[in-house]
């Protein structure tokens, strides 16, 4: 597949490495010029581009930026993707550590619903709750004992099927986490976040989540 990745933090860069290793054609962008990604491109074979070009004719788009930086991308940044291509967002809201206060999130809007509003397109929440090093190193064959499972939230349909299949290809059991409106169940501070659970454990953790944001993940 042709995959566009916007953001080269720990998760974005890790997905670039994993997806190119699996044979996918990856275009990758950061907030600066493409030449600033020369080292990652040389390592992985990914094509560095401007952020506005990363989604061009893509089968899948991944947005992996700081939550506070999402509005800076602009509503048309993923518009060049193929019709029906899923947009995956891996972002997390850390108001005390880096993002500052975002009123809508403090008032209860799920993080991914807010991201979708900023981008002007539906999104799927995935890869937000796994440590980057585990994403890089702990993928396992389907059926392997102890295989880590990852929740995927978003609208049902072929696009979600594509995201679930990509999670599986990367070596993790995909778990349907419901519609995007339920994506708060995998936000920071919930039982599933960072827990490296198997599929049954992920389902239990999602069910046990509370919609109230923990104090450590609220603006001071």
Protein backbone atom coordinates (compact mmCIF):
# COMPACT_ATOMS: atom_id res chain seq x y z
CA UNK A 1 0.00 0.00 0.00
CA UNK A 2 0.96 3.64 -0.32
CA UNK A 3 0.99 5.11 3.17
CA UNK A 4 1.42 8.76 4.11
CA UNK A 5 2.78 9.54 7.56
CA UNK A 6 2.59 13.06 8.96
CA UNK A 7 4.77 13.41 12.03
CA UNK A 8 8.12 11.85 12.86
CA UNK A 9 8.05 11.68 16.63
CA UNK A 10 8.59 8.33 18.32
CA UNK A 11 5.42 6.69 17.00
CA UNK A 12 5.53 8.25 13.53
CA UNK A 13 9.16 7.33 12.99
CA UNK A 14 8.59 3.82 14.35
CA UNK A 15 5.68 3.26 11.99
CA UNK A 16 7.85 4.52 9.14
CA UNK A 17 10.47 1.91 10.01
CA UNK A 18 8.00 -0.93 10.47
CA UNK A 19 5.84 -0.23 7.44
CA UNK A 20 8.73 0.21 5.02
CA UNK A 21 10.23 -3.04 6.33
CA UNK A 22 6.93 -4.73 5.47
CA UNK A 23 7.24 -3.50 1.90
CA UNK A 24 4.81 -0.59 1.93
CA UNK A 25 5.53 2.59 -0.01
CA UNK A 26 5.79 5.30 2.63
CA UNK A 27 5.81 9.05 2.22
CA UNK A 28 6.80 10.78 5.42
CA UNK A 29 6.65 14.41 6.52
CA UNK A 30 7.38 16.53 9.54
CA UNK A 31 6.72 20.19 10.32
CA UNK A 32 9.83 21.27 8.44
CA UNK A 33 11.34 20.74 4.99
CA UNK A 34 11.73 17.25 3.48
CA UNK A 35 15.52 17.45 3.55
CA UNK A 36 15.42 17.41 7.36
CA UNK A 37 14.27 13.78 7.06
CA UNK A 38 17.25 12.66 4.99
CA UNK A 39 18.59 10.36 7.71
CA UNK A 40 15.26 8.58 8.26
CA UNK A 41 14.77 8.31 4.50
CA UNK A 42 18.23 6.78 4.01
CA UNK A 43 17.59 4.28 6.80
CA UNK A 44 14.13 3.18 5.70
CA UNK A 45 13.70 3.97 2.02
CA UNK A 46 10.71 6.20 2.79
CA UNK A 47 10.22 9.26 0.60
CA UNK A 48 10.41 12.55 2.52
CA UNK A 49 7.84 15.13 1.41
CA UNK A 50 6.14 18.29 2.61
CA UNK A 51 3.25 17.63 5.00
CA UNK A 52 0.74 18.87 2.41
CA UNK A 53 1.94 16.15 0.01
CA UNK A 54 2.16 13.16 2.36
CA UNK A 55 -1.42 12.01 1.77
CA UNK A 56 -1.33 12.29 -2.02
CA UNK A 57 -2.97 9.19 -3.54
CA UNK A 58 -2.45 7.32 -0.26
CA UNK A 59 -4.27 4.12 0.69
CA UNK A 60 -3.76 4.95 4.38
CA UNK A 61 -2.76 8.16 6.14
CA UNK A 62 -1.25 8.35 9.63
CA UNK A 63 -1.28 11.60 11.59
CA UNK A 64 1.13 11.44 14.53
CA UNK A 65 1.80 14.92 15.88
CA UNK A 66 1.56 16.75 19.19
CA UNK A 67 -2.07 17.27 20.11
CA UNK A 68 -1.58 21.03 20.34
CA UNK A 69 -0.07 21.05 16.84
CA UNK A 70 -3.02 19.36 15.13
CA UNK A 71 -4.82 22.61 14.20
CA UNK A 72 -1.64 23.85 12.52
CA UNK A 73 -1.90 21.07 9.91
CA UNK A 74 -4.98 22.64 8.36
CA UNK A 75 -8.25 20.96 7.33
CA UNK A 76 -7.05 20.00 3.84
CA UNK A 77 -3.83 18.25 4.80
CA UNK A 78 -5.20 14.73 4.19
CA UNK A 79 -7.57 15.63 1.34
CA UNK A 80 -5.32 14.11 -1.34
CA UNK A 81 -5.75 10.53 -0.12
CA UNK A 82 -7.66 8.00 -2.18
CA UNK A 83 -11.41 7.96 -1.72
CA UNK A 84 -12.27 5.89 1.35
CA UNK A 85 -8.68 5.76 2.62
CA UNK A 86 -8.61 5.61 6.43
CA UNK A 87 -6.90 8.37 8.38
CA UNK A 88 -5.30 6.99 11.54
CA UNK A 89 -4.44 9.35 14.36
CA UNK A 90 -2.08 8.32 17.14
CA UNK A 91 -2.18 11.51 19.19
CA UNK A 92 -2.53 11.87 22.96
CA UNK A 93 -3.43 14.91 25.04
CA UNK A 94 -0.84 15.71 27.72
CA UNK A 95 -1.92 19.11 29.06
CA UNK A 96 0.59 19.33 31.90
CA UNK A 97 3.58 17.91 30.05
CA UNK A 98 3.45 19.61 26.64
CA UNK A 99 0.08 20.58 25.16
CA UNK A 100 -1.30 23.16 27.54
CA UNK A 101 -5.03 23.50 28.00
CA UNK A 102 -7.41 22.60 25.17
CA UNK A 103 -10.85 23.64 26.36
CA UNK A 104 -12.87 21.16 24.30
CA UNK A 105 -10.89 18.23 25.68
CA UNK A 106 -11.15 19.51 29.23
CA UNK A 107 -14.90 19.76 28.71
CA UNK A 108 -15.17 16.09 27.74
CA UNK A 109 -14.81 15.90 23.96
CA UNK A 110 -12.93 12.67 23.13
CA UNK A 111 -9.46 13.47 21.86
CA UNK A 112 -9.95 11.76 18.50
CA UNK A 113 -13.30 13.44 17.90
CA UNK A 114 -11.52 16.77 18.36
CA UNK A 115 -8.72 15.67 16.00
CA UNK A 116 -11.29 14.72 13.36
CA UNK A 117 -12.84 18.16 13.68
CA UNK A 118 -9.45 19.84 13.22
CA UNK A 119 -8.59 17.75 10.17
CA UNK A 120 -12.06 18.00 8.68
CA UNK A 121 -12.36 14.26 8.09
CA UNK A 122 -13.26 11.09 10.03
CA UNK A 123 -10.35 9.37 11.72
CA UNK A 124 -9.47 6.09 13.41
CA UNK A 125 -7.73 6.05 16.77
CA UNK A 126 -4.94 3.47 16.93
CA UNK A 127 -1.33 3.06 18.10
CA UNK A 128 -1.79 5.77 20.76
CA UNK A 129 -1.38 3.53 23.80
CA UNK A 130 1.67 1.39 23.01
CA UNK A 131 5.22 2.35 23.87
CA UNK A 132 7.18 3.09 20.70
CA UNK A 133 9.86 0.53 21.51
CA UNK A 134 7.22 -2.18 21.94
CA UNK A 135 5.67 -1.17 18.62
CA UNK A 136 9.11 -1.52 17.06
CA UNK A 137 10.16 -4.79 18.68
CA UNK A 138 7.24 -6.77 20.09
CA UNK A 139 5.13 -7.59 17.06
CA UNK A 140 4.44 -11.33 16.86
CA UNK A 141 2.85 -13.76 14.40
CA UNK A 142 -0.90 -14.25 14.54
CA UNK A 143 -1.78 -16.82 17.18
CA UNK A 144 1.48 -16.41 19.11
CA UNK A 145 1.18 -16.72 22.88
CA UNK A 146 1.16 -13.36 24.62
CA UNK A 147 0.60 -11.39 21.41
CA UNK A 148 -0.15 -7.78 22.35
CA UNK A 149 -3.53 -6.45 21.26
CA UNK A 150 -4.27 -2.88 20.19
CA UNK A 151 -7.68 -1.17 20.19
CA UNK A 152 -8.98 0.54 17.07
CA UNK A 153 -11.83 3.06 17.41
CA UNK A 154 -13.76 4.52 14.50
CA UNK A 155 -16.65 3.98 12.13
CA UNK A 156 -17.36 0.46 10.90
CA UNK A 157 -16.77 -0.35 7.25
CA UNK A 158 -13.99 -1.11 4.76
CA UNK A 159 -11.75 1.67 6.09
CA UNK A 160 -11.83 0.22 9.60
CA UNK A 161 -11.17 -3.23 8.16
CA UNK A 162 -8.05 -1.79 6.51
CA UNK A 163 -6.81 -0.35 9.81
CA UNK A 164 -7.47 -3.61 11.65
CA UNK A 165 -5.62 -5.57 8.96
CA UNK A 166 -2.65 -3.19 9.21
CA UNK A 167 -2.48 -3.66 12.98
CA UNK A 168 -2.43 -7.42 12.43
CA UNK A 169 0.26 -7.15 9.75
CA UNK A 170 2.43 -5.22 12.19
CA UNK A 171 2.20 -8.13 14.62
CA UNK A 172 -0.58 -7.16 17.02
CA UNK A 173 -4.12 -8.40 17.58
CA UNK A 174 -6.59 -5.70 16.51
CA UNK A 175 -9.56 -5.18 18.83
CA UNK A 176 -12.62 -3.25 17.69
CA UNK A 177 -13.01 -0.47 20.26
CA UNK A 178 -16.29 0.85 18.91
CA UNK A 179 -17.09 4.15 17.22
CA UNK A 180 -14.91 7.23 17.50
CA UNK A 181 -17.22 8.64 20.16
CA UNK A 182 -16.08 5.76 22.39
CA UNK A 183 -12.38 6.41 21.78
CA UNK A 184 -12.06 8.02 25.22
CA UNK A 185 -11.81 4.44 26.47
CA UNK A 186 -8.22 4.27 25.18
CA UNK A 187 -7.04 7.76 26.08
CA UNK A 188 -4.14 8.32 28.52
CA UNK A 189 -5.03 7.30 32.06
CA UNK A 190 -7.47 4.53 31.07
CA UNK A 191 -6.91 0.86 31.99
CA UNK A 192 -5.87 -0.13 28.46
CA UNK A 193 -3.35 2.67 27.98
CA UNK A 194 0.23 1.35 27.92
CA UNK A 195 -0.86 -1.98 29.40
CA UNK A 196 0.31 -4.40 26.64
CA UNK A 197 -2.72 -6.66 27.17
CA UNK A 198 -3.91 -9.53 25.03
CA UNK A 199 -7.18 -9.28 23.11
CA UNK A 200 -9.41 -10.42 25.98
CA UNK A 201 -7.56 -8.11 28.35
CA UNK A 202 -8.04 -5.16 26.01
CA UNK A 203 -11.78 -5.83 25.82
CA UNK A 204 -12.04 -5.96 29.62
CA UNK A 205 -9.98 -2.81 30.01
CA UNK A 206 -12.07 -0.89 27.49
CA UNK A 207 -15.24 -1.94 29.30
CA UNK A 208 -13.81 -0.82 32.64
CA UNK A 209 -12.80 2.66 31.48
CA UNK A 210 -14.37 5.77 33.01
CA UNK A 211 -15.27 8.81 30.91
CA UNK A 212 -13.89 11.10 33.62
CA UNK A 213 -10.38 12.21 32.71
CA UNK A 214 -7.89 11.41 35.52
CA UNK A 215 -6.46 14.42 37.30
CA UNK A 216 -2.93 13.71 35.99
CA UNK A 217 -4.26 14.14 32.48
CA UNK A 218 -6.21 17.35 33.07
CA UNK A 219 -4.84 20.86 32.83
CA UNK A 220 -3.62 22.10 36.20
